[in-house]
Amino acid sequence: MSAQGSIQVFIDEETGEMWFEIDGLPDKLCENTAAALIEGFKMQGATVKKTNVGNAGGDGQKRTQSIG
């Protein structure tokens, strides 16, 4: 069974700043997804903020990551 989660994209209309929130994925998949977004969007100097959102059961912790 595949993990289900979401990726939200936010863009500040005034500054053009873009950031992502990855939600509801197991830890390693969340990290890999964040790395792929950073590389794919050429987000040099991007920061990643991890937040535990509770135990997913079965496959470990689910996390939320914000990239911006």
Protein backbone atom coordinates (compact mmCIF):
# COMPACT_ATOMS: atom_id res chain seq x y z
CA MET A 1 0.00 0.00 0.00
CA SER A 2 1.38 3.43 -0.86
CA ALA A 3 1.61 6.30 1.57
CA GLN A 4 -0.92 9.07 1.15
CA GLY A 5 -0.12 12.66 1.88
CA SER A 6 -0.38 16.09 0.40
CA ILE A 7 1.86 18.83 -0.95
CA GLN A 8 0.60 22.39 -0.76
CA VAL A 9 2.24 25.19 -2.73
CA PHE A 10 2.11 28.76 -1.43
CA ILE A 11 3.21 31.89 -3.31
CA ASP A 12 3.37 35.34 -1.75
CA GLU A 13 1.89 37.64 -4.40
CA GLU A 14 3.81 40.66 -3.12
CA THR A 15 7.29 39.15 -2.80
CA GLY A 16 7.10 36.19 -5.17
CA GLU A 17 8.38 33.96 -2.37
CA MET A 18 7.31 30.34 -2.80
CA TRP A 19 7.11 27.60 -0.18
CA PHE A 20 5.75 24.10 0.14
CA GLU A 21 4.17 22.12 2.93
CA ILE A 22 4.42 18.34 2.73
CA ASP A 23 1.99 16.63 5.04
CA GLY A 24 1.13 13.08 6.10
CA LEU A 25 4.04 11.04 4.76
CA PRO A 26 6.36 8.66 6.61
CA ASP A 27 9.62 10.31 7.68
CA LYS A 28 11.96 9.02 4.96
CA LEU A 29 9.46 9.61 2.13
CA CYS A 30 8.85 13.13 3.44
CA GLU A 31 12.61 13.82 3.44
CA ASN A 32 13.02 12.43 -0.08
CA THR A 33 10.08 14.47 -1.35
CA ALA A 34 11.48 17.64 0.22
CA ALA A 35 14.88 17.02 -1.39
CA ALA A 36 13.26 16.42 -4.79
CA LEU A 37 11.27 19.67 -4.56
CA ILE A 38 14.34 21.66 -3.54
CA GLU A 39 16.34 20.24 -6.44
CA GLY A 40 13.53 20.43 -8.99
CA PHE A 41 12.65 24.05 -8.23
CA LYS A 42 16.31 25.08 -7.78
CA MET A 43 15.55 26.49 -4.34
CA GLN A 44 19.08 27.42 -3.33
CA GLY A 45 19.38 28.29 0.33
CA ALA A 46 16.03 26.66 1.12
CA THR A 47 15.32 25.69 4.70
CA VAL A 48 13.34 22.65 5.82
CA LYS A 49 11.29 22.73 9.00
CA LYS A 50 10.16 19.34 10.34
CA THR A 51 7.20 18.97 12.66
CA ASN A 52 6.07 15.65 14.16
CA VAL A 53 2.33 15.33 13.83
CA GLY A 54 1.83 12.07 15.67
CA ASN A 55 2.26 8.37 15.16
CA ALA A 56 1.10 7.06 11.81
CA GLY A 57 0.98 3.50 13.06
CA GLY A 58 2.43 0.60 11.13
CA ASP A 59 5.09 2.46 9.13
CA GLY A 60 6.33 4.89 11.77
CA GLN A 61 5.98 8.60 12.26
CA LYS A 62 4.31 10.94 9.82
CA ARG A 63 5.77 14.39 9.50
CA THR A 64 4.96 17.78 8.13
CA GLN A 65 7.77 19.64 6.41
CA SER A 66 7.79 23.24 5.28
CA ILE A 67 10.27 24.25 2.61
CA GLY A 68 10.92 27.86 1.86
